[in-house]
Amino acid sequence: MSTNVEDKPKQVSWFNGCGGRIGVVVGENGEHAYIGVALRHDEDDDVDHIMKYGAKFPLDAALLLPVSKYYTQES
């Protein structure tokens, strides 16, 4: 399994799909968002897993989705 470029999440959009929850995660940097299935029982762990191993998703399309959660930037 290949990994994506290291990035921190900026926002996530959750959807209920057939058989589970699907997340679209937008990172703070990069040209793509990432899409994947929630496999764990912790939302933040799911977001981290999607950021590392999710399929690339068009950033412009991800920014049009309703946001389920924003992540604050740590200073």
N, C-alpha and C. Protein backbone atom coordinates (compact mmCIF):
# COMPACT_ATOMS: atom_id res chain seq x y z
N MET A 1 0.85 -1.16 0.00
CA MET A 1 0.00 0.00 0.00
C MET A 1 0.90 1.23 0.00
N SER A 2 0.66 2.14 -0.91
CA SER A 2 1.48 3.35 -0.98
C SER A 2 0.90 4.41 -0.05
N THR A 3 1.76 5.35 0.31
CA THR A 3 1.32 6.42 1.20
C THR A 3 1.33 7.75 0.45
N ASN A 4 0.53 8.68 0.92
CA ASN A 4 0.44 10.01 0.36
C ASN A 4 1.46 10.92 1.04
N VAL A 5 1.60 12.13 0.53
CA VAL A 5 2.50 13.12 1.10
C VAL A 5 1.99 13.50 2.49
N GLU A 6 2.90 13.63 3.45
CA GLU A 6 2.53 14.02 4.81
C GLU A 6 1.89 15.41 4.79
N ASP A 7 0.78 15.54 5.46
CA ASP A 7 0.03 16.79 5.52
C ASP A 7 -0.84 16.74 6.77
N LYS A 8 -1.28 17.89 7.22
CA LYS A 8 -2.21 17.97 8.35
C LYS A 8 -3.60 18.30 7.82
N PRO A 9 -4.64 17.74 8.44
CA PRO A 9 -5.99 18.00 7.94
C PRO A 9 -6.45 19.43 8.20
N LYS A 10 -7.17 19.98 7.25
CA LYS A 10 -7.77 21.31 7.39
C LYS A 10 -9.27 21.17 7.65
N GLN A 11 -9.91 20.23 6.93
CA GLN A 11 -11.34 20.00 7.10
C GLN A 11 -11.69 18.61 6.60
N VAL A 12 -12.83 18.10 7.07
CA VAL A 12 -13.31 16.80 6.62
C VAL A 12 -14.81 16.90 6.37
N SER A 13 -15.26 16.18 5.37
CA SER A 13 -16.68 16.05 5.06
C SER A 13 -17.04 14.58 5.16
N TRP A 14 -18.04 14.23 5.97
CA TRP A 14 -18.45 12.85 6.15
C TRP A 14 -19.77 12.59 5.45
N PHE A 15 -19.88 11.41 4.83
CA PHE A 15 -21.11 10.99 4.16
C PHE A 15 -21.39 9.54 4.52
N ASN A 16 -22.66 9.20 4.60
CA ASN A 16 -23.03 7.81 4.82
C ASN A 16 -23.17 7.14 3.46
N GLY A 17 -22.37 6.11 3.24
CA GLY A 17 -22.41 5.36 2.00
C GLY A 17 -22.92 3.96 2.26
N CYS A 18 -22.98 3.16 1.24
CA CYS A 18 -23.40 1.76 1.40
C CYS A 18 -22.39 1.04 2.28
N GLY A 19 -22.79 0.66 3.45
CA GLY A 19 -21.93 -0.13 4.31
C GLY A 19 -20.98 0.64 5.20
N GLY A 20 -21.02 1.96 5.21
CA GLY A 20 -20.12 2.69 6.09
C GLY A 20 -20.06 4.16 5.79
N ARG A 21 -19.22 4.85 6.57
CA ARG A 21 -19.05 6.29 6.39
C ARG A 21 -17.88 6.56 5.46
N ILE A 22 -18.05 7.56 4.61
CA ILE A 22 -17.02 7.95 3.65
C ILE A 22 -16.57 9.35 4.01
N GLY A 23 -15.26 9.55 4.07
CA GLY A 23 -14.72 10.86 4.40
C GLY A 23 -13.93 11.45 3.26
N VAL A 24 -14.08 12.75 3.07
CA VAL A 24 -13.27 13.51 2.12
C VAL A 24 -12.48 14.52 2.94
N VAL A 25 -11.16 14.38 2.96
CA VAL A 25 -10.30 15.20 3.81
C VAL A 25 -9.49 16.17 2.96
N VAL A 26 -9.53 17.44 3.33
CA VAL A 26 -8.73 18.47 2.68
C VAL A 26 -7.57 18.78 3.62
N GLY A 27 -6.35 18.76 3.09
CA GLY A 27 -5.17 19.06 3.87
C GLY A 27 -4.84 20.54 3.85
N GLU A 28 -3.93 20.94 4.72
CA GLU A 28 -3.50 22.34 4.77
C GLU A 28 -2.68 22.70 3.53
N ASN A 29 -1.96 21.74 2.98
CA ASN A 29 -1.13 21.95 1.79
C ASN A 29 -1.49 20.91 0.73
N GLY A 30 -1.08 21.16 -0.47
CA GLY A 30 -1.24 20.15 -1.50
C GLY A 30 -2.23 20.51 -2.58
N GLU A 31 -2.25 19.69 -3.62
CA GLU A 31 -3.09 19.91 -4.80
C GLU A 31 -4.33 19.03 -4.82
N HIS A 32 -4.41 18.09 -3.88
CA HIS A 32 -5.51 17.13 -3.86
C HIS A 32 -6.13 17.04 -2.47
N ALA A 33 -7.37 16.58 -2.43
CA ALA A 33 -8.00 16.13 -1.19
C ALA A 33 -7.92 14.60 -1.25
N TYR A 34 -8.34 13.93 -0.20
CA TYR A 34 -8.28 12.47 -0.15
C TYR A 34 -9.62 11.93 0.29
N ILE A 35 -10.00 10.80 -0.30
CA ILE A 35 -11.28 10.17 0.02
C ILE A 35 -11.02 8.75 0.50
N GLY A 36 -11.79 8.33 1.50
CA GLY A 36 -11.63 6.98 2.03
C GLY A 36 -12.78 6.62 2.95
N VAL A 37 -12.77 5.38 3.40
CA VAL A 37 -13.82 4.84 4.26
C VAL A 37 -13.35 4.87 5.71
N ALA A 38 -14.27 5.18 6.62
CA ALA A 38 -13.97 5.16 8.05
C ALA A 38 -13.86 3.70 8.50
N LEU A 39 -12.68 3.31 8.92
CA LEU A 39 -12.43 1.92 9.33
C LEU A 39 -12.24 1.77 10.83
N ARG A 40 -12.04 2.86 11.51
CA ARG A 40 -11.77 2.82 12.94
C ARG A 40 -12.97 3.36 13.71
N HIS A 41 -12.88 3.35 15.03
CA HIS A 41 -13.98 3.84 15.86
C HIS A 41 -13.71 5.24 16.40
N ASP A 42 -12.69 5.90 15.87
CA ASP A 42 -12.34 7.24 16.30
C ASP A 42 -12.22 8.13 15.06
N GLU A 43 -12.97 9.23 15.03
CA GLU A 43 -13.01 10.08 13.85
C GLU A 43 -11.64 10.63 13.48
N ASP A 44 -10.86 11.09 14.46
CA ASP A 44 -9.55 11.65 14.17
C ASP A 44 -8.59 10.60 13.62
N ASP A 45 -8.67 9.36 14.12
CA ASP A 45 -7.86 8.27 13.56
C ASP A 45 -8.26 7.97 12.12
N ASP A 46 -9.57 8.03 11.85
CA ASP A 46 -10.04 7.82 10.47
C ASP A 46 -9.50 8.91 9.55
N VAL A 47 -9.52 10.15 10.00
CA VAL A 47 -9.01 11.26 9.20
C VAL A 47 -7.52 11.06 8.90
N ASP A 48 -6.74 10.69 9.92
CA ASP A 48 -5.31 10.44 9.72
C ASP A 48 -5.08 9.31 8.72
N HIS A 49 -5.86 8.25 8.83
CA HIS A 49 -5.72 7.11 7.92
C HIS A 49 -6.07 7.51 6.48
N ILE A 50 -7.13 8.28 6.31
CA ILE A 50 -7.52 8.73 4.97
C ILE A 50 -6.45 9.65 4.39
N MET A 51 -5.87 10.52 5.22
CA MET A 51 -4.80 11.41 4.74
C MET A 51 -3.59 10.61 4.27
N LYS A 52 -3.29 9.51 4.94
CA LYS A 52 -2.11 8.71 4.59
C LYS A 52 -2.38 7.77 3.42
N TYR A 53 -3.55 7.13 3.38
CA TYR A 53 -3.77 6.04 2.42
C TYR A 53 -4.97 6.23 1.51
N GLY A 54 -5.70 7.33 1.64
CA GLY A 54 -6.90 7.54 0.82
C GLY A 54 -6.57 7.83 -0.63
N ALA A 55 -7.56 7.64 -1.47
CA ALA A 55 -7.42 7.94 -2.89
C ALA A 55 -7.47 9.44 -3.10
N LYS A 56 -6.73 9.91 -4.10
CA LYS A 56 -6.74 11.34 -4.40
C LYS A 56 -8.11 11.75 -4.92
N PHE A 57 -8.54 12.92 -4.49
CA PHE A 57 -9.84 13.47 -4.84
C PHE A 57 -9.60 14.91 -5.30
N PRO A 58 -10.29 15.38 -6.33
CA PRO A 58 -10.05 16.75 -6.81
C PRO A 58 -10.30 17.80 -5.72
N LEU A 59 -9.31 18.63 -5.49
CA LEU A 59 -9.39 19.65 -4.44
C LEU A 59 -10.55 20.61 -4.68
N ASP A 60 -10.73 21.06 -5.91
CA ASP A 60 -11.81 22.01 -6.21
C ASP A 60 -13.17 21.43 -5.86
N ALA A 61 -13.37 20.14 -6.13
CA ALA A 61 -14.65 19.49 -5.81
C ALA A 61 -14.80 19.34 -4.30
N ALA A 62 -13.72 19.01 -3.60
CA ALA A 62 -13.79 18.83 -2.14
C ALA A 62 -14.15 20.13 -1.44
N LEU A 63 -13.70 21.25 -1.97
CA LEU A 63 -13.99 22.53 -1.33
C LEU A 63 -15.45 22.95 -1.48
N LEU A 64 -16.19 22.31 -2.38
CA LEU A 64 -17.61 22.60 -2.57
C LEU A 64 -18.50 21.78 -1.64
N LEU A 65 -17.96 20.74 -1.00
CA LEU A 65 -18.74 19.85 -0.14
C LEU A 65 -19.03 20.52 1.21
N PRO A 66 -20.15 20.15 1.84
CA PRO A 66 -20.44 20.68 3.18
C PRO A 66 -19.42 20.12 4.18
N VAL A 67 -18.88 20.99 5.01
CA VAL A 67 -17.83 20.60 5.95
C VAL A 67 -18.45 20.05 7.23
N SER A 68 -18.00 18.87 7.62
CA SER A 68 -18.47 18.26 8.87
C SER A 68 -17.66 18.73 10.07
N LYS A 69 -16.36 18.96 9.85
CA LYS A 69 -15.48 19.39 10.95
C LYS A 69 -14.30 20.16 10.39
N TYR A 70 -13.99 21.28 11.04
CA TYR A 70 -12.78 22.04 10.73
C TYR A 70 -11.72 21.69 11.76
N TYR A 71 -10.47 21.65 11.34
CA TYR A 71 -9.34 21.46 12.24
C TYR A 71 -8.63 22.79 12.36
N THR A 72 -8.34 23.23 13.58
CA THR A 72 -7.65 24.50 13.77
C THR A 72 -6.16 24.33 13.55
N GLN A 73 -5.54 25.38 13.10
CA GLN A 73 -4.10 25.37 12.92
C GLN A 73 -3.45 25.67 14.25
N GLU A 74 -2.43 24.87 14.59
CA GLU A 74 -1.71 25.10 15.84
C GLU A 74 -0.61 26.10 15.56
N SER A 75 -0.47 27.09 16.44
CA SER A 75 0.56 28.12 16.27
C SER A 75 1.79 27.78 17.05
